[in-house]
């Protein structure tokens, strides 16, 4: 879990199969992918908290929470 100011990024690497859907759908290109194809929350300051990555993740590996 990483607190990134406006959002908290929660990622369960054990659930992720590295499909890349999260990175492909992100409207702000927040994600990079590691050598296994798994997401890296690389540009957290650009995240708008839209939760598309969370909603479309087939493995339920990503959660985005907006901070107060």
C-alpha atoms as a PDB file:
ATOM      1  CA  UNK A   1       0.000   0.000   0.000  1.00  0.00           C
ATOM      2  CA  UNK A   2       1.321   3.406  -0.958  1.00  0.00           C
ATOM      3  CA  UNK A   3      -0.191   6.704   0.153  1.00  0.00           C
ATOM      4  CA  UNK A   4       0.299   9.100  -2.734  1.00  0.00           C
ATOM      5  CA  UNK A   5      -1.262  12.300  -1.419  1.00  0.00           C
ATOM      6  CA  UNK A   6      -4.670  12.376  -3.073  1.00  0.00           C
ATOM      7  CA  UNK A   7      -4.989   8.593  -3.518  1.00  0.00           C
ATOM      8  CA  UNK A   8      -3.797   5.427  -1.839  1.00  0.00           C
ATOM      9  CA  UNK A   9      -2.679   2.678  -4.215  1.00  0.00           C
ATOM     10  CA  UNK A  10      -3.233  -0.847  -2.869  1.00  0.00           C
ATOM     11  CA  UNK A  11      -1.766  -3.642  -4.983  1.00  0.00           C
ATOM     12  CA  UNK A  12      -1.748  -7.381  -4.283  1.00  0.00           C
ATOM     13  CA  UNK A  13       1.089  -8.765  -6.385  1.00  0.00           C
ATOM     14  CA  UNK A  14       0.075 -12.340  -5.572  1.00  0.00           C
ATOM     15  CA  UNK A  15      -3.281 -11.869  -7.329  1.00  0.00           C
ATOM     16  CA  UNK A  16      -1.894 -10.048 -10.386  1.00  0.00           C
ATOM     17  CA  UNK A  17      -1.135 -12.103 -13.510  1.00  0.00           C
ATOM     18  CA  UNK A  18       0.430  -9.176 -15.382  1.00  0.00           C
ATOM     19  CA  UNK A  19      -2.203  -8.779 -18.103  1.00  0.00           C
ATOM     20  CA  UNK A  20      -1.582  -5.015 -18.480  1.00  0.00           C
ATOM     21  CA  UNK A  21      -5.244  -3.981 -18.587  1.00  0.00           C
ATOM     22  CA  UNK A  22      -4.687  -1.425 -15.818  1.00  0.00           C
ATOM     23  CA  UNK A  23      -1.829   0.260 -17.676  1.00  0.00           C
ATOM     24  CA  UNK A  24      -3.679   0.213 -20.998  1.00  0.00           C
ATOM     25  CA  UNK A  25      -6.866   1.788 -19.607  1.00  0.00           C
ATOM     26  CA  UNK A  26      -5.329   4.466 -17.386  1.00  0.00           C
ATOM     27  CA  UNK A  27      -6.304   7.833 -18.894  1.00  0.00           C
ATOM     28  CA  UNK A  28      -3.319   9.551 -17.250  1.00  0.00           C
ATOM     29  CA  UNK A  29      -0.691   6.869 -18.048  1.00  0.00           C
ATOM     30  CA  UNK A  30       0.145   6.486 -14.354  1.00  0.00           C
ATOM     31  CA  UNK A  31       1.487   2.944 -14.690  1.00  0.00           C
ATOM     32  CA  UNK A  32       4.716   1.478 -15.922  1.00  0.00           C
ATOM     33  CA  UNK A  33       5.110  -2.293 -16.068  1.00  0.00           C
ATOM     34  CA  UNK A  34       7.886  -4.336 -14.519  1.00  0.00           C
ATOM     35  CA  UNK A  35       9.723  -7.238 -16.192  1.00  0.00           C
ATOM     36  CA  UNK A  36       6.835  -9.574 -15.264  1.00  0.00           C
ATOM     37  CA  UNK A  37       4.283  -7.220 -16.831  1.00  0.00           C
ATOM     38  CA  UNK A  38       2.888  -6.214 -13.452  1.00  0.00           C
ATOM     39  CA  UNK A  39       1.949  -2.586 -12.796  1.00  0.00           C
ATOM     40  CA  UNK A  40       4.227  -0.086 -11.130  1.00  0.00           C
ATOM     41  CA  UNK A  41       2.477   3.060  -9.846  1.00  0.00           C
ATOM     42  CA  UNK A  42       5.125   5.285 -11.441  1.00  0.00           C
ATOM     43  CA  UNK A  43       3.425   8.670 -11.803  1.00  0.00           C
ATOM     44  CA  UNK A  44       1.262   8.909  -8.709  1.00  0.00           C
ATOM     45  CA  UNK A  45       0.966  12.697  -8.950  1.00  0.00           C
ATOM     46  CA  UNK A  46      -0.937  12.276 -12.237  1.00  0.00           C
ATOM     47  CA  UNK A  47      -3.532   9.862 -10.808  1.00  0.00           C
ATOM     48  CA  UNK A  48      -7.032  11.371 -10.778  1.00  0.00           C
ATOM     49  CA  UNK A  49      -8.569   8.535  -8.746  1.00  0.00           C
ATOM     50  CA  UNK A  50     -10.969   7.458 -11.513  1.00  0.00           C
ATOM     51  CA  UNK A  51     -10.583   3.807 -10.432  1.00  0.00           C
ATOM     52  CA  UNK A  52     -10.730   2.420 -13.988  1.00  0.00           C
ATOM     53  CA  UNK A  53      -7.775   0.195 -13.140  1.00  0.00           C
ATOM     54  CA  UNK A  54      -9.580  -1.189 -10.104  1.00  0.00           C
ATOM     55  CA  UNK A  55     -12.888  -1.650 -11.914  1.00  0.00           C
ATOM     56  CA  UNK A  56     -11.369  -3.466 -14.900  1.00  0.00           C
ATOM     57  CA  UNK A  57      -8.740  -5.596 -13.146  1.00  0.00           C
ATOM     58  CA  UNK A  58      -9.841  -9.208 -13.775  1.00  0.00           C
ATOM     59  CA  UNK A  59      -7.796 -10.415 -10.799  1.00  0.00           C
ATOM     60  CA  UNK A  60      -9.051  -7.850  -8.216  1.00  0.00           C
ATOM     61  CA  UNK A  61      -5.392  -7.017  -7.543  1.00  0.00           C
ATOM     62  CA  UNK A  62      -5.698  -3.209  -7.495  1.00  0.00           C
ATOM     63  CA  UNK A  63      -7.603  -0.894  -5.206  1.00  0.00           C
ATOM     64  CA  UNK A  64      -7.559   2.887  -5.347  1.00  0.00           C
ATOM     65  CA  UNK A  65      -8.820   4.887  -2.385  1.00  0.00           C
ATOM     66  CA  UNK A  66      -9.250   8.639  -2.430  1.00  0.00           C
ATOM     67  CA  UNK A  67      -7.721  10.351   0.604  1.00  0.00           C
ATOM     68  CA  UNK A  68      -9.545  13.063   2.471  1.00  0.00           C
END
